[in-house]
Amino acid sequence: MSTTERLIAYHLARLKDKNPQVRIASIRELALLEALNAYGALEAIYHTDPDPAVRKAAQEAGRALFRKKNAIER
């Protein structure tokens, strides 16, 4: 497993943290890492997280990843 893969796994695990600020920080890191495999997790957070700031961060990161994925596929 590469360092990037370990970082992505770490931040995916932190999406379940009880602290919303931790979840937001991990969402932003996943976007910076361009973790395309995190798109489904971000979508789930957008639909289910009780904190509006976390949902907004997930939406923004999901959009960025979606754009990145579409650029790669073209």
N, C-alpha and C. Protein backbone atom coordinates (compact mmCIF):
# COMPACT_ATOMS: atom_id res chain seq x y z
N MET A 1 0.86 -1.18 0.00
CA MET A 1 0.00 0.00 0.00
C MET A 1 0.90 1.24 0.00
N SER A 2 0.63 2.16 -0.90
CA SER A 2 1.44 3.38 -1.00
C SER A 2 1.10 4.35 0.13
N THR A 3 1.94 5.34 0.28
CA THR A 3 1.70 6.37 1.29
C THR A 3 0.39 7.10 1.03
N THR A 4 0.13 7.40 -0.22
CA THR A 4 -1.12 8.09 -0.57
C THR A 4 -2.33 7.23 -0.23
N GLU A 5 -2.25 5.95 -0.53
CA GLU A 5 -3.35 5.04 -0.21
C GLU A 5 -3.58 4.96 1.30
N ARG A 6 -2.49 4.97 2.07
CA ARG A 6 -2.62 4.95 3.53
C ARG A 6 -3.26 6.25 4.04
N LEU A 7 -2.86 7.38 3.45
CA LEU A 7 -3.46 8.65 3.84
C LEU A 7 -4.95 8.69 3.54
N ILE A 8 -5.31 8.20 2.37
CA ILE A 8 -6.72 8.16 1.99
C ILE A 8 -7.50 7.27 2.95
N ALA A 9 -6.97 6.11 3.26
CA ALA A 9 -7.65 5.20 4.20
C ALA A 9 -7.79 5.86 5.57
N TYR A 10 -6.76 6.56 6.02
CA TYR A 10 -6.80 7.26 7.30
C TYR A 10 -7.92 8.30 7.32
N HIS A 11 -7.99 9.10 6.26
CA HIS A 11 -9.02 10.15 6.23
C HIS A 11 -10.42 9.57 6.03
N LEU A 12 -10.54 8.50 5.30
CA LEU A 12 -11.84 7.84 5.18
C LEU A 12 -12.32 7.36 6.55
N ALA A 13 -11.42 6.81 7.34
CA ALA A 13 -11.79 6.33 8.68
C ALA A 13 -12.22 7.51 9.57
N ARG A 14 -11.57 8.65 9.40
CA ARG A 14 -11.89 9.82 10.23
C ARG A 14 -13.24 10.46 9.87
N LEU A 15 -13.84 10.04 8.77
CA LEU A 15 -15.16 10.58 8.41
C LEU A 15 -16.22 10.14 9.41
N LYS A 16 -15.90 9.16 10.25
CA LYS A 16 -16.85 8.68 11.26
C LYS A 16 -16.58 9.27 12.64
N ASP A 17 -15.62 10.19 12.73
CA ASP A 17 -15.28 10.80 14.02
C ASP A 17 -16.47 11.59 14.54
N LYS A 18 -16.62 11.65 15.88
CA LYS A 18 -17.76 12.37 16.45
C LYS A 18 -17.60 13.89 16.35
N ASN A 19 -16.37 14.37 16.16
CA ASN A 19 -16.11 15.80 16.06
C ASN A 19 -16.30 16.28 14.62
N PRO A 20 -17.24 17.21 14.38
CA PRO A 20 -17.48 17.68 13.01
C PRO A 20 -16.24 18.33 12.38
N GLN A 21 -15.42 19.00 13.19
CA GLN A 21 -14.23 19.64 12.63
C GLN A 21 -13.23 18.61 12.10
N VAL A 22 -13.15 17.48 12.75
CA VAL A 22 -12.28 16.39 12.28
C VAL A 22 -12.82 15.86 10.96
N ARG A 23 -14.14 15.69 10.88
CA ARG A 23 -14.74 15.20 9.63
C ARG A 23 -14.49 16.19 8.49
N ILE A 24 -14.66 17.48 8.77
CA ILE A 24 -14.45 18.50 7.74
C ILE A 24 -12.99 18.50 7.28
N ALA A 25 -12.06 18.43 8.22
CA ALA A 25 -10.63 18.41 7.86
C ALA A 25 -10.32 17.21 6.97
N SER A 26 -10.87 16.06 7.29
CA SER A 26 -10.61 14.86 6.48
C SER A 26 -11.26 14.96 5.10
N ILE A 27 -12.42 15.55 5.04
CA ILE A 27 -13.08 15.76 3.74
C ILE A 27 -12.20 16.63 2.86
N ARG A 28 -11.68 17.70 3.42
CA ARG A 28 -10.81 18.61 2.64
C ARG A 28 -9.52 17.91 2.21
N GLU A 29 -8.97 17.09 3.08
CA GLU A 29 -7.76 16.35 2.72
C GLU A 29 -8.04 15.36 1.59
N LEU A 30 -9.18 14.70 1.64
CA LEU A 30 -9.52 13.76 0.57
C LEU A 30 -9.63 14.48 -0.77
N ALA A 31 -10.16 15.70 -0.76
CA ALA A 31 -10.25 16.48 -2.00
C ALA A 31 -8.85 16.85 -2.48
N LEU A 32 -7.99 17.28 -1.55
CA LEU A 32 -6.62 17.64 -1.93
C LEU A 32 -5.85 16.45 -2.48
N LEU A 33 -6.11 15.28 -1.92
CA LEU A 33 -5.45 14.06 -2.39
C LEU A 33 -6.06 13.53 -3.69
N GLU A 34 -7.12 14.18 -4.14
CA GLU A 34 -7.85 13.75 -5.33
C GLU A 34 -8.24 12.28 -5.24
N ALA A 35 -8.80 11.93 -4.09
CA ALA A 35 -9.17 10.55 -3.79
C ALA A 35 -10.50 10.21 -4.47
N LEU A 36 -10.41 9.84 -5.72
CA LEU A 36 -11.62 9.54 -6.49
C LEU A 36 -12.41 8.40 -5.88
N ASN A 37 -11.74 7.49 -5.20
CA ASN A 37 -12.45 6.37 -4.57
C ASN A 37 -13.23 6.81 -3.33
N ALA A 38 -13.08 8.06 -2.90
CA ALA A 38 -13.82 8.57 -1.74
C ALA A 38 -15.15 9.20 -2.14
N TYR A 39 -15.42 9.27 -3.43
CA TYR A 39 -16.63 9.95 -3.89
C TYR A 39 -17.90 9.38 -3.26
N GLY A 40 -18.02 8.08 -3.20
CA GLY A 40 -19.21 7.44 -2.61
C GLY A 40 -19.37 7.77 -1.14
N ALA A 41 -18.27 7.78 -0.41
CA ALA A 41 -18.31 8.11 1.02
C ALA A 41 -18.73 9.56 1.21
N LEU A 42 -18.22 10.44 0.37
CA LEU A 42 -18.60 11.86 0.47
C LEU A 42 -20.07 12.07 0.14
N GLU A 43 -20.55 11.32 -0.83
CA GLU A 43 -21.97 11.41 -1.19
C GLU A 43 -22.84 10.96 -0.01
N ALA A 44 -22.44 9.88 0.64
CA ALA A 44 -23.20 9.39 1.80
C ALA A 44 -23.20 10.42 2.92
N ILE A 45 -22.06 11.04 3.17
CA ILE A 45 -21.99 12.07 4.21
C ILE A 45 -22.89 13.24 3.86
N TYR A 46 -22.86 13.64 2.60
CA TYR A 46 -23.71 14.75 2.15
C TYR A 46 -25.18 14.48 2.45
N HIS A 47 -25.59 13.24 2.30
CA HIS A 47 -27.00 12.89 2.51
C HIS A 47 -27.36 12.58 3.96
N THR A 48 -26.37 12.24 4.80
CA THR A 48 -26.72 11.73 6.12
C THR A 48 -26.12 12.47 7.32
N ASP A 49 -25.07 13.25 7.13
CA ASP A 49 -24.41 13.87 8.29
C ASP A 49 -25.34 14.89 8.94
N PRO A 50 -25.40 14.89 10.28
CA PRO A 50 -26.29 15.82 10.97
C PRO A 50 -25.78 17.27 10.98
N ASP A 51 -24.50 17.48 10.69
CA ASP A 51 -23.93 18.83 10.75
C ASP A 51 -23.94 19.49 9.37
N PRO A 52 -24.60 20.65 9.24
CA PRO A 52 -24.69 21.31 7.93
C PRO A 52 -23.32 21.70 7.35
N ALA A 53 -22.36 22.07 8.20
CA ALA A 53 -21.03 22.45 7.70
C ALA A 53 -20.31 21.23 7.12
N VAL A 54 -20.51 20.08 7.72
CA VAL A 54 -19.90 18.85 7.20
C VAL A 54 -20.55 18.49 5.87
N ARG A 55 -21.86 18.61 5.79
CA ARG A 55 -22.55 18.32 4.52
C ARG A 55 -22.07 19.24 3.41
N LYS A 56 -21.89 20.52 3.73
CA LYS A 56 -21.42 21.49 2.73
C LYS A 56 -20.01 21.14 2.28
N ALA A 57 -19.13 20.80 3.20
CA ALA A 57 -17.77 20.41 2.85
C ALA A 57 -17.77 19.17 1.96
N ALA A 58 -18.62 18.20 2.29
CA ALA A 58 -18.73 16.98 1.49
C ALA A 58 -19.23 17.30 0.08
N GLN A 59 -20.18 18.20 -0.01
CA GLN A 59 -20.72 18.60 -1.31
C GLN A 59 -19.63 19.25 -2.16
N GLU A 60 -18.88 20.17 -1.57
CA GLU A 60 -17.82 20.87 -2.31
C GLU A 60 -16.73 19.90 -2.75
N ALA A 61 -16.32 19.03 -1.85
CA ALA A 61 -15.27 18.05 -2.19
C ALA A 61 -15.78 17.07 -3.24
N GLY A 62 -17.02 16.64 -3.10
CA GLY A 62 -17.60 15.73 -4.08
C GLY A 62 -17.66 16.34 -5.47
N ARG A 63 -18.02 17.61 -5.52
CA ARG A 63 -18.05 18.29 -6.82
C ARG A 63 -16.66 18.36 -7.44
N ALA A 64 -15.66 18.69 -6.61
CA ALA A 64 -14.28 18.77 -7.11
C ALA A 64 -13.82 17.41 -7.64
N LEU A 65 -14.11 16.35 -6.90
CA LEU A 65 -13.73 15.01 -7.34
C LEU A 65 -14.47 14.60 -8.60
N PHE A 66 -15.74 14.98 -8.69
CA PHE A 66 -16.54 14.67 -9.86
C PHE A 66 -15.94 15.34 -11.10
N ARG A 67 -15.55 16.61 -10.96
CA ARG A 67 -14.94 17.34 -12.08
C ARG A 67 -13.61 16.68 -12.47
N LYS A 68 -12.83 16.29 -11.48
CA LYS A 68 -11.55 15.64 -11.75
C LYS A 68 -11.78 14.32 -12.49
N LYS A 69 -12.74 13.54 -12.03
CA LYS A 69 -13.03 12.26 -12.68
C LYS A 69 -13.46 12.47 -14.13
N ASN A 70 -14.31 13.45 -14.37
CA ASN A 70 -14.76 13.71 -15.73
C ASN A 70 -13.62 14.19 -16.62
N ALA A 71 -12.69 14.95 -16.06
CA ALA A 71 -11.55 15.43 -16.85
C ALA A 71 -10.65 14.26 -17.24
N ILE A 72 -10.50 13.29 -16.36
CA ILE A 72 -9.67 12.12 -16.64
C ILE A 72 -10.30 11.25 -17.72
N GLU A 73 -11.63 11.14 -17.70
CA GLU A 73 -12.33 10.26 -18.63
C GLU A 73 -12.40 10.84 -20.04
N ARG A 74 -12.13 12.11 -20.19
CA ARG A 74 -12.24 12.74 -21.53
C ARG A 74 -11.04 12.50 -22.33
